[in-house]
Amino acid sequence: MLFRAGSNQLKAVPLSLITRLEEIDARKIELSNGRHMVQYRGHLMPLITLNEAVNVKGEGAQSLLVFSDGSRSMALVVYEIVDIVEERLDIQVASDNAGVIGSAIIKGQATEIIDVGHFLPLAFEDWFRRKDQTAGQRQPHSVLLVDDSPFFRNMLSPVLKAAGYEVTAVGSGQEALAVLKKGRHFDALVTDIDMPDMDGFALAEAVRGEPKFGEIPMIALSSSNSVESIERGRKVGFHDYVAKFDRQSLIAALKEQTADMNRAA
């Protein structure tokens, strides 16, 4: 999702992280305790700006990118939604600015890649720490996330945490094996397929070759969902194969693999 906010510089977030694109009447925006909010589906939704250069409109139509977790939602204030594009992200220049992962070339232009995970706790401090308060709450399932790209680790970790999972993220297959060999227990392993040195297929074979790791459910992430790749994944022991940006399918796959654990608990 390409957009502008605060300047003409193009900015982007993965569309799979966005719950809805909204355009609201700015007159509906309220100021409460020094924070901009809007009533949204029966709840107050905080409006968050990317930086001090971004202003919340006082009149006209205000564009918003809405992110939700259960009944709670927050929105990033944007000036203009530019386009939706399908393109492989290659972070070419890292950023030290809070809320920005780095820059990539998208549609021939330098584009800032926004770190959504930085802004979620600005709306709700406990966005990633919140636990269900019902009596007898089970411990959250733990996930080992493996991806050589810091961008994808930063993108997926908040998504999994928001879904209620404890996440340990590492940057290579070798690191994942080292963590498992230390005796750490995980309820599921989610790994990128396309990694240097040890790819996801090799990691899956190594995990299945170690009886002490048990039958940990493994989910593959890939930008290529060819029949040949999926079949190879099944042969090395993957339980599911999910497109890298398909947030909903990843969560659904994790829930399916941990369903038996819930029933047994």
C-alpha atoms as a PDB file:
ATOM      1  CA  MET A   1       0.000   0.000   0.000  1.00  0.00           C
ATOM      2  CA  LEU A   2       1.590   3.276  -1.156  1.00  0.00           C
ATOM      3  CA  PHE A   3       0.582   6.547   0.509  1.00  0.00           C
ATOM      4  CA  ARG A   4       1.774  10.017   1.445  1.00  0.00           C
ATOM      5  CA  ALA A   5       1.743  11.645   4.855  1.00  0.00           C
ATOM      6  CA  GLY A   6       3.504  14.824   5.935  1.00  0.00           C
ATOM      7  CA  SER A   7       5.430  15.257   2.667  1.00  0.00           C
ATOM      8  CA  ASN A   8       5.507  14.196  -0.970  1.00  0.00           C
ATOM      9  CA  GLN A   9       7.826  11.299  -0.066  1.00  0.00           C
ATOM     10  CA  LEU A  10       6.175   7.991  -0.932  1.00  0.00           C
ATOM     11  CA  LYS A  11       5.605   5.659   2.011  1.00  0.00           C
ATOM     12  CA  ALA A  12       4.491   2.036   2.103  1.00  0.00           C
ATOM     13  CA  VAL A  13       3.161  -0.645   4.423  1.00  0.00           C
ATOM     14  CA  PRO A  14       2.281  -4.260   3.534  1.00  0.00           C
ATOM     15  CA  LEU A  15      -1.385  -4.358   2.571  1.00  0.00           C
ATOM     16  CA  SER A  16      -1.798  -7.645   4.451  1.00  0.00           C
ATOM     17  CA  LEU A  17      -1.301  -5.797   7.758  1.00  0.00           C
ATOM     18  CA  ILE A  18      -4.074  -3.284   7.088  1.00  0.00           C
ATOM     19  CA  THR A  19      -7.578  -4.138   8.282  1.00  0.00           C
ATOM     20  CA  ARG A  20      -9.380  -1.392   6.360  1.00  0.00           C
ATOM     21  CA  LEU A  21      -8.829   1.780   4.374  1.00  0.00           C
ATOM     22  CA  GLU A  22     -11.144   4.495   5.666  1.00  0.00           C
ATOM     23  CA  GLU A  23     -12.021   8.026   4.636  1.00  0.00           C
ATOM     24  CA  ILE A  24     -13.970   9.802   7.356  1.00  0.00           C
ATOM     25  CA  ASP A  25     -15.497  13.228   7.807  1.00  0.00           C
ATOM     26  CA  ALA A  26     -12.876  15.201   9.770  1.00  0.00           C
ATOM     27  CA  ARG A  27     -15.674  16.756  11.849  1.00  0.00           C
ATOM     28  CA  LYS A  28     -16.148  13.345  13.497  1.00  0.00           C
ATOM     29  CA  ILE A  29     -12.619  13.454  14.931  1.00  0.00           C
ATOM     30  CA  GLU A  30     -12.625  14.222  18.664  1.00  0.00           C
ATOM     31  CA  LEU A  31      -9.892  15.379  21.002  1.00  0.00           C
ATOM     32  CA  SER A  32      -9.802  13.494  24.315  1.00  0.00           C
ATOM     33  CA  ASN A  33      -7.044  13.779  26.910  1.00  0.00           C
ATOM     34  CA  GLY A  34      -4.866  15.449  24.317  1.00  0.00           C
ATOM     35  CA  ARG A  35      -5.293  12.642  21.781  1.00  0.00           C
ATOM     36  CA  HIS A  36      -7.186  12.551  18.504  1.00  0.00           C
ATOM     37  CA  MET A  37      -9.821   9.828  18.402  1.00  0.00           C
ATOM     38  CA  VAL A  38     -12.834   8.797  16.410  1.00  0.00           C
ATOM     39  CA  GLN A  39     -15.790   6.586  17.309  1.00  0.00           C
ATOM     40  CA  TYR A  40     -15.340   3.459  15.234  1.00  0.00           C
ATOM     41  CA  ARG A  41     -17.654   0.446  15.341  1.00  0.00           C
ATOM     42  CA  GLY A  42     -18.754   1.113  18.892  1.00  0.00           C
ATOM     43  CA  HIS A  43     -15.283   1.821  20.266  1.00  0.00           C
ATOM     44  CA  LEU A  44     -12.917   4.775  20.503  1.00  0.00           C
ATOM     45  CA  MET A  45     -10.126   4.453  17.943  1.00  0.00           C
ATOM     46  CA  PRO A  46      -6.920   6.474  18.520  1.00  0.00           C
ATOM     47  CA  LEU A  47      -5.504   8.299  15.502  1.00  0.00           C
ATOM     48  CA  ILE A  48      -1.707   8.174  15.274  1.00  0.00           C
ATOM     49  CA  THR A  49       0.489  10.412  13.129  1.00  0.00           C
ATOM     50  CA  LEU A  50       3.754   9.160  11.624  1.00  0.00           C
ATOM     51  CA  ASN A  51       5.659  12.242  12.762  1.00  0.00           C
ATOM     52  CA  GLU A  52       5.224  15.891  13.782  1.00  0.00           C
ATOM     53  CA  ALA A  53       4.917  16.982  10.139  1.00  0.00           C
ATOM     54  CA  VAL A  54       1.620  15.103   9.791  1.00  0.00           C
ATOM     55  CA  ASN A  55      -1.464  17.108  10.792  1.00  0.00           C
ATOM     56  CA  VAL A  56      -4.933  15.773  11.541  1.00  0.00           C
ATOM     57  CA  LYS A  57      -7.491  17.571   9.379  1.00  0.00           C
ATOM     58  CA  GLY A  58     -10.109  19.837  10.908  1.00  0.00           C
ATOM     59  CA  GLU A  59     -12.458  19.685   7.934  1.00  0.00           C
ATOM     60  CA  GLY A  60     -12.983  17.719   4.762  1.00  0.00           C
ATOM     61  CA  ALA A  61     -12.203  14.026   4.321  1.00  0.00           C
ATOM     62  CA  GLN A  62      -9.476  12.414   6.425  1.00  0.00           C
ATOM     63  CA  SER A  63      -7.835   9.256   5.045  1.00  0.00           C
ATOM     64  CA  LEU A  64      -6.893   6.536   7.534  1.00  0.00           C
ATOM     65  CA  LEU A  65      -5.108   3.185   7.517  1.00  0.00           C
ATOM     66  CA  VAL A  66      -6.866   1.059  10.146  1.00  0.00           C
ATOM     67  CA  PHE A  67      -5.152  -1.773  12.048  1.00  0.00           C
ATOM     68  CA  SER A  68      -7.215  -4.025  14.331  1.00  0.00           C
ATOM     69  CA  ASP A  69      -6.712  -6.693  16.973  1.00  0.00           C
ATOM     70  CA  GLY A  70     -10.011  -8.174  18.114  1.00  0.00           C
ATOM     71  CA  SER A  71     -12.273  -5.318  19.198  1.00  0.00           C
ATOM     72  CA  ARG A  72      -9.436  -2.776  19.385  1.00  0.00           C
ATOM     73  CA  SER A  73      -8.379  -0.627  16.453  1.00  0.00           C
ATOM     74  CA  MET A  74      -5.941   2.190  15.758  1.00  0.00           C
ATOM     75  CA  ALA A  75      -5.444   4.258  12.636  1.00  0.00           C
ATOM     76  CA  LEU A  76      -2.498   5.957  10.965  1.00  0.00           C
ATOM     77  CA  VAL A  77      -3.347   9.398   9.627  1.00  0.00           C
ATOM     78  CA  VAL A  78      -2.390   9.744   5.954  1.00  0.00           C
ATOM     79  CA  TYR A  79      -2.793  12.546   3.420  1.00  0.00           C
ATOM     80  CA  GLU A  80      -3.270  10.477   0.299  1.00  0.00           C
ATOM     81  CA  ILE A  81      -3.605   6.794  -0.567  1.00  0.00           C
ATOM     82  CA  VAL A  82      -1.618   6.519  -3.786  1.00  0.00           C
ATOM     83  CA  ASP A  83      -1.785   2.943  -5.026  1.00  0.00           C
ATOM     84  CA  ILE A  84      -1.785  -0.765  -4.245  1.00  0.00           C
ATOM     85  CA  VAL A  85       1.081  -2.590  -5.912  1.00  0.00           C
ATOM     86  CA  GLU A  86       2.421  -6.125  -5.897  1.00  0.00           C
ATOM     87  CA  GLU A  87       6.185  -5.992  -5.791  1.00  0.00           C
ATOM     88  CA  ARG A  88       8.995  -7.851  -4.044  1.00  0.00           C
ATOM     89  CA  LEU A  89      10.438  -5.612  -1.346  1.00  0.00           C
ATOM     90  CA  ASP A  90      14.182  -5.098  -1.232  1.00  0.00           C
ATOM     91  CA  ILE A  91      15.243  -2.799   1.614  1.00  0.00           C
ATOM     92  CA  GLN A  92      18.286  -1.095   0.098  1.00  0.00           C
ATOM     93  CA  VAL A  93      18.951   1.554   2.732  1.00  0.00           C
ATOM     94  CA  ALA A  94      18.290   0.927   6.424  1.00  0.00           C
ATOM     95  CA  SER A  95      16.904   3.702   8.614  1.00  0.00           C
ATOM     96  CA  ASP A  96      17.750   4.893  12.105  1.00  0.00           C
ATOM     97  CA  ASN A  97      14.494   6.864  12.314  1.00  0.00           C
ATOM     98  CA  ALA A  98      11.896   5.442  14.689  1.00  0.00           C
ATOM     99  CA  GLY A  99       8.961   4.038  12.771  1.00  0.00           C
ATOM    100  CA  VAL A 100      10.843   3.595   9.492  1.00  0.00           C
ATOM    101  CA  ILE A 101      12.464   0.281   8.578  1.00  0.00           C
ATOM    102  CA  GLY A 102      14.296   1.663   5.566  1.00  0.00           C
ATOM    103  CA  SER A 103      13.938   2.620   1.930  1.00  0.00           C
ATOM    104  CA  ALA A 104      13.176   0.552  -1.146  1.00  0.00           C
ATOM    105  CA  ILE A 105      12.523   1.236  -4.821  1.00  0.00           C
ATOM    106  CA  ILE A 106       8.834   0.749  -5.607  1.00  0.00           C
ATOM    107  CA  LYS A 107       7.392   1.679  -8.992  1.00  0.00           C
ATOM    108  CA  GLY A 108      10.700   3.332  -9.822  1.00  0.00           C
ATOM    109  CA  GLN A 109      10.664   5.660  -6.804  1.00  0.00           C
ATOM    110  CA  ALA A 110      12.479   5.704  -3.494  1.00  0.00           C
ATOM    111  CA  THR A 111       9.892   4.716  -0.885  1.00  0.00           C
ATOM    112  CA  GLU A 112      10.005   4.700   2.920  1.00  0.00           C
ATOM    113  CA  ILE A 113       8.900   1.360   4.393  1.00  0.00           C
ATOM    114  CA  ILE A 114       6.955   2.051   7.576  1.00  0.00           C
ATOM    115  CA  ASP A 115       7.446  -0.113  10.673  1.00  0.00           C
ATOM    116  CA  VAL A 116       3.827  -0.636  11.735  1.00  0.00           C
ATOM    117  CA  GLY A 117       4.960  -2.394  14.909  1.00  0.00           C
ATOM    118  CA  HIS A 118       6.444   0.883  16.175  1.00  0.00           C
ATOM    119  CA  PHE A 119       3.096   2.711  16.030  1.00  0.00           C
ATOM    120  CA  LEU A 120       0.701   0.105  17.446  1.00  0.00           C
ATOM    121  CA  PRO A 121       1.832   0.569  21.094  1.00  0.00           C
ATOM    122  CA  LEU A 122       1.476   4.349  20.668  1.00  0.00           C
ATOM    123  CA  ALA A 123      -2.252   3.726  20.425  1.00  0.00           C
ATOM    124  CA  PHE A 124      -2.450   1.067  23.164  1.00  0.00           C
ATOM    125  CA  GLU A 125       0.595   0.577  25.371  1.00  0.00           C
ATOM    126  CA  ASP A 126      -0.177  -3.096  25.936  1.00  0.00           C
ATOM    127  CA  TRP A 127      -0.970  -3.934  22.273  1.00  0.00           C
ATOM    128  CA  PHE A 128       1.648  -6.703  22.252  1.00  0.00           C
ATOM    129  CA  ARG A 129       1.472  -7.606  25.935  1.00  0.00           C
ATOM    130  CA  ARG A 130      -2.270  -7.852  26.403  1.00  0.00           C
ATOM    131  CA  LYS A 131      -3.490 -11.184  27.703  1.00  0.00           C
ATOM    132  CA  ASP A 132      -7.010 -12.509  27.739  1.00  0.00           C
ATOM    133  CA  GLN A 133      -8.274 -11.902  31.277  1.00  0.00           C
ATOM    134  CA  THR A 134     -10.683 -14.832  31.361  1.00  0.00           C
ATOM    135  CA  ALA A 135     -10.258 -17.273  34.202  1.00  0.00           C
ATOM    136  CA  GLY A 136      -8.177 -20.314  33.475  1.00  0.00           C
ATOM    137  CA  GLN A 137      -6.382 -18.600  30.570  1.00  0.00           C
ATOM    138  CA  ARG A 138      -3.918 -20.992  28.978  1.00  0.00           C
ATOM    139  CA  GLN A 139      -0.330 -19.964  28.387  1.00  0.00           C
ATOM    140  CA  PRO A 140       0.051 -18.530  24.861  1.00  0.00           C
ATOM    141  CA  HIS A 141       1.538 -20.841  22.269  1.00  0.00           C
ATOM    142  CA  SER A 142       5.150 -20.137  21.363  1.00  0.00           C
ATOM    143  CA  VAL A 143       6.385 -19.704  17.804  1.00  0.00           C
ATOM    144  CA  LEU A 144       9.928 -19.815  16.433  1.00  0.00           C
ATOM    145  CA  LEU A 145      10.035 -17.421  13.456  1.00  0.00           C
ATOM    146  CA  VAL A 146      12.915 -17.806  11.010  1.00  0.00           C
ATOM    147  CA  ASP A 147      13.669 -15.257   8.283  1.00  0.00           C
ATOM    148  CA  ASP A 148      16.945 -13.764   7.062  1.00  0.00           C
ATOM    149  CA  SER A 149      15.241 -10.421   6.318  1.00  0.00           C
ATOM    150  CA  PRO A 150      14.960  -8.006   9.288  1.00  0.00           C
ATOM    151  CA  PHE A 151      12.055  -6.357   7.454  1.00  0.00           C
ATOM    152  CA  PHE A 152       9.958  -9.516   7.402  1.00  0.00           C
ATOM    153  CA  ARG A 153      10.866 -10.396  10.991  1.00  0.00           C
ATOM    154  CA  ASN A 154       9.800  -6.898  12.066  1.00  0.00           C
ATOM    155  CA  MET A 155       6.636  -7.200  10.028  1.00  0.00           C
ATOM    156  CA  LEU A 156       5.519 -10.663  11.095  1.00  0.00           C
ATOM    157  CA  SER A 157       6.496 -10.602  14.767  1.00  0.00           C
ATOM    158  CA  PRO A 158       3.884  -7.945  15.679  1.00  0.00           C
ATOM    159  CA  VAL A 159       1.256  -9.780  13.627  1.00  0.00           C
ATOM    160  CA  LEU A 160       1.866 -13.039  15.510  1.00  0.00           C
ATOM    161  CA  LYS A 161       2.053 -11.299  18.890  1.00  0.00           C
ATOM    162  CA  ALA A 162      -1.190  -9.477  18.202  1.00  0.00           C
ATOM    163  CA  ALA A 163      -2.761 -12.876  17.480  1.00  0.00           C
ATOM    164  CA  GLY A 164      -1.725 -14.060  20.948  1.00  0.00           C
ATOM    165  CA  TYR A 165       1.501 -15.950  20.266  1.00  0.00           C
ATOM    166  CA  GLU A 166       4.840 -15.645  22.020  1.00  0.00           C
ATOM    167  CA  VAL A 167       7.436 -15.097  19.306  1.00  0.00           C
ATOM    168  CA  THR A 168      11.159 -15.799  19.145  1.00  0.00           C
ATOM    169  CA  ALA A 169      12.601 -14.476  15.873  1.00  0.00           C
ATOM    170  CA  VAL A 170      15.970 -15.508  14.427  1.00  0.00           C
ATOM    171  CA  GLY A 171      17.745 -14.641  11.186  1.00  0.00           C
ATOM    172  CA  SER A 172      18.902 -17.984   9.827  1.00  0.00           C
ATOM    173  CA  GLY A 173      18.313 -21.723   9.788  1.00  0.00           C
ATOM    174  CA  GLN A 174      21.520 -22.249  11.744  1.00  0.00           C
ATOM    175  CA  GLU A 175      20.318 -19.899  14.485  1.00  0.00           C
ATOM    176  CA  ALA A 176      16.995 -21.738  14.620  1.00  0.00           C
ATOM    177  CA  LEU A 177      18.745 -25.100  15.077  1.00  0.00           C
ATOM    178  CA  ALA A 178      20.975 -23.625  17.777  1.00  0.00           C
ATOM    179  CA  VAL A 179      17.935 -22.385  19.703  1.00  0.00           C
ATOM    180  CA  LEU A 180      16.200 -25.779  19.378  1.00  0.00           C
ATOM    181  CA  LYS A 181      19.338 -27.644  20.481  1.00  0.00           C
ATOM    182  CA  LYS A 182      19.363 -25.617  23.698  1.00  0.00           C
ATOM    183  CA  GLY A 183      16.147 -27.394  24.616  1.00  0.00           C
ATOM    184  CA  ARG A 184      13.753 -24.511  24.012  1.00  0.00           C
ATOM    185  CA  HIS A 185      10.211 -25.775  23.426  1.00  0.00           C
ATOM    186  CA  PHE A 186       8.100 -24.249  20.663  1.00  0.00           C
ATOM    187  CA  ASP A 187       4.565 -25.079  19.644  1.00  0.00           C
ATOM    188  CA  ALA A 188       5.259 -24.217  16.002  1.00  0.00           C
ATOM    189  CA  LEU A 189       8.059 -23.229  13.660  1.00  0.00           C
ATOM    190  CA  VAL A 190       7.420 -20.664  10.909  1.00  0.00           C
ATOM    191  CA  THR A 191      10.225 -20.280   8.390  1.00  0.00           C
ATOM    192  CA  ASP A 192      10.992 -18.467   5.176  1.00  0.00           C
ATOM    193  CA  ILE A 193      11.902 -20.773   2.305  1.00  0.00           C
ATOM    194  CA  ASP A 194      14.220 -18.440   0.391  1.00  0.00           C
ATOM    195  CA  MET A 195      17.225 -17.989   2.694  1.00  0.00           C
ATOM    196  CA  PRO A 196      20.976 -18.112   1.956  1.00  0.00           C
ATOM    197  CA  ASP A 197      23.247 -20.874   3.274  1.00  0.00           C
ATOM    198  CA  MET A 198      20.449 -22.988   4.767  1.00  0.00           C
ATOM    199  CA  ASP A 199      17.081 -22.507   3.100  1.00  0.00           C
ATOM    200  CA  GLY A 200      13.741 -23.460   4.628  1.00  0.00           C
ATOM    201  CA  PHE A 201      13.709 -26.900   3.021  1.00  0.00           C
ATOM    202  CA  ALA A 202      17.133 -27.742   4.495  1.00  0.00           C
ATOM    203  CA  LEU A 203      16.042 -26.432   7.897  1.00  0.00           C
ATOM    204  CA  ALA A 204      12.915 -28.611   7.830  1.00  0.00           C
ATOM    205  CA  GLU A 205      14.985 -31.687   6.932  1.00  0.00           C
ATOM    206  CA  ALA A 206      17.411 -30.942   9.778  1.00  0.00           C
ATOM    207  CA  VAL A 207      14.559 -30.527  12.280  1.00  0.00           C
ATOM    208  CA  ARG A 208      12.902 -33.762  11.169  1.00  0.00           C
ATOM    209  CA  GLY A 209      16.275 -35.510  11.390  1.00  0.00           C
ATOM    210  CA  GLU A 210      16.547 -34.783  15.113  1.00  0.00           C
ATOM    211  CA  PRO A 211      14.133 -36.978  17.126  1.00  0.00           C
ATOM    212  CA  LYS A 212      14.707 -34.828  20.223  1.00  0.00           C
ATOM    213  CA  PHE A 213      12.981 -31.897  18.497  1.00  0.00           C
ATOM    214  CA  GLY A 214       9.783 -33.922  18.374  1.00  0.00           C
ATOM    215  CA  GLU A 215       7.050 -33.456  15.801  1.00  0.00           C
ATOM    216  CA  ILE A 216       6.985 -29.680  15.986  1.00  0.00           C
ATOM    217  CA  PRO A 217       4.488 -28.311  13.432  1.00  0.00           C
ATOM    218  CA  MET A 218       6.322 -26.418  10.673  1.00  0.00           C
ATOM    219  CA  ILE A 219       4.833 -23.775   8.376  1.00  0.00           C
ATOM    220  CA  ALA A 220       6.657 -22.574   5.259  1.00  0.00           C
ATOM    221  CA  LEU A 221       6.570 -18.970   4.037  1.00  0.00           C
ATOM    222  CA  SER A 222       7.355 -18.269   0.415  1.00  0.00           C
ATOM    223  CA  SER A 223       6.760 -15.740  -2.331  1.00  0.00           C
ATOM    224  CA  SER A 224       6.430 -18.681  -4.746  1.00  0.00           C
ATOM    225  CA  ASN A 225       3.580 -21.124  -4.234  1.00  0.00           C
ATOM    226  CA  SER A 226       4.277 -23.390  -7.207  1.00  0.00           C
ATOM    227  CA  VAL A 227       2.995 -26.973  -7.163  1.00  0.00           C
ATOM    228  CA  GLU A 228       6.579 -28.274  -7.231  1.00  0.00           C
ATOM    229  CA  SER A 229       7.602 -26.116  -4.262  1.00  0.00           C
ATOM    230  CA  ILE A 230       4.556 -27.108  -2.204  1.00  0.00           C
ATOM    231  CA  GLU A 231       5.145 -30.811  -2.962  1.00  0.00           C
ATOM    232  CA  ARG A 232       8.787 -30.511  -1.946  1.00  0.00           C
ATOM    233  CA  GLY A 233       7.680 -28.850   1.266  1.00  0.00           C
ATOM    234  CA  ARG A 234       5.389 -31.734   2.110  1.00  0.00           C
ATOM    235  CA  LYS A 235       8.203 -34.217   1.534  1.00  0.00           C
ATOM    236  CA  VAL A 236      10.540 -32.499   3.981  1.00  0.00           C
ATOM    237  CA  GLY A 237       7.831 -32.291   6.655  1.00  0.00           C
ATOM    238  CA  PHE A 238       6.045 -28.945   6.392  1.00  0.00           C
ATOM    239  CA  HIS A 239       2.490 -29.048   7.690  1.00  0.00           C
ATOM    240  CA  ASP A 240       1.413 -25.990   5.688  1.00  0.00           C
ATOM    241  CA  TYR A 241       2.664 -23.634   2.992  1.00  0.00           C
ATOM    242  CA  VAL A 242       1.645 -19.949   3.133  1.00  0.00           C
ATOM    243  CA  ALA A 243       2.287 -16.921   0.917  1.00  0.00           C
ATOM    244  CA  LYS A 244       4.648 -14.540   2.678  1.00  0.00           C
ATOM    245  CA  PHE A 245       2.286 -11.552   2.864  1.00  0.00           C
ATOM    246  CA  ASP A 246      -0.852 -13.567   3.600  1.00  0.00           C
ATOM    247  CA  ARG A 247      -1.341 -12.656   7.245  1.00  0.00           C
ATOM    248  CA  GLN A 248      -4.783 -14.240   7.584  1.00  0.00           C
ATOM    249  CA  SER A 249      -3.687 -17.588   6.119  1.00  0.00           C
ATOM    250  CA  LEU A 250      -0.632 -17.689   8.394  1.00  0.00           C
ATOM    251  CA  ILE A 251      -2.730 -17.118  11.516  1.00  0.00           C
ATOM    252  CA  ALA A 252      -5.284 -19.668  10.313  1.00  0.00           C
ATOM    253  CA  ALA A 253      -2.516 -22.222   9.704  1.00  0.00           C
ATOM    254  CA  LEU A 254      -1.079 -21.655  13.185  1.00  0.00           C
ATOM    255  CA  LYS A 255      -4.494 -22.001  14.793  1.00  0.00           C
ATOM    256  CA  GLU A 256      -5.083 -25.234  12.917  1.00  0.00           C
ATOM    257  CA  GLN A 257      -1.744 -26.694  13.989  1.00  0.00           C
ATOM    258  CA  THR A 258      -2.258 -25.734  17.656  1.00  0.00           C
ATOM    259  CA  ALA A 259      -5.927 -26.792  17.810  1.00  0.00           C
ATOM    260  CA  ASP A 260      -5.051 -30.281  19.045  1.00  0.00           C
ATOM    261  CA  MET A 261      -2.874 -28.772  21.795  1.00  0.00           C
ATOM    262  CA  ASN A 262      -5.814 -26.616  22.936  1.00  0.00           C
ATOM    263  CA  ARG A 263      -8.127 -29.633  23.096  1.00  0.00           C
ATOM    264  CA  ALA A 264      -5.560 -31.658  25.018  1.00  0.00           C
ATOM    265  CA  ALA A 265      -4.874 -28.851  27.539  1.00  0.00           C
END
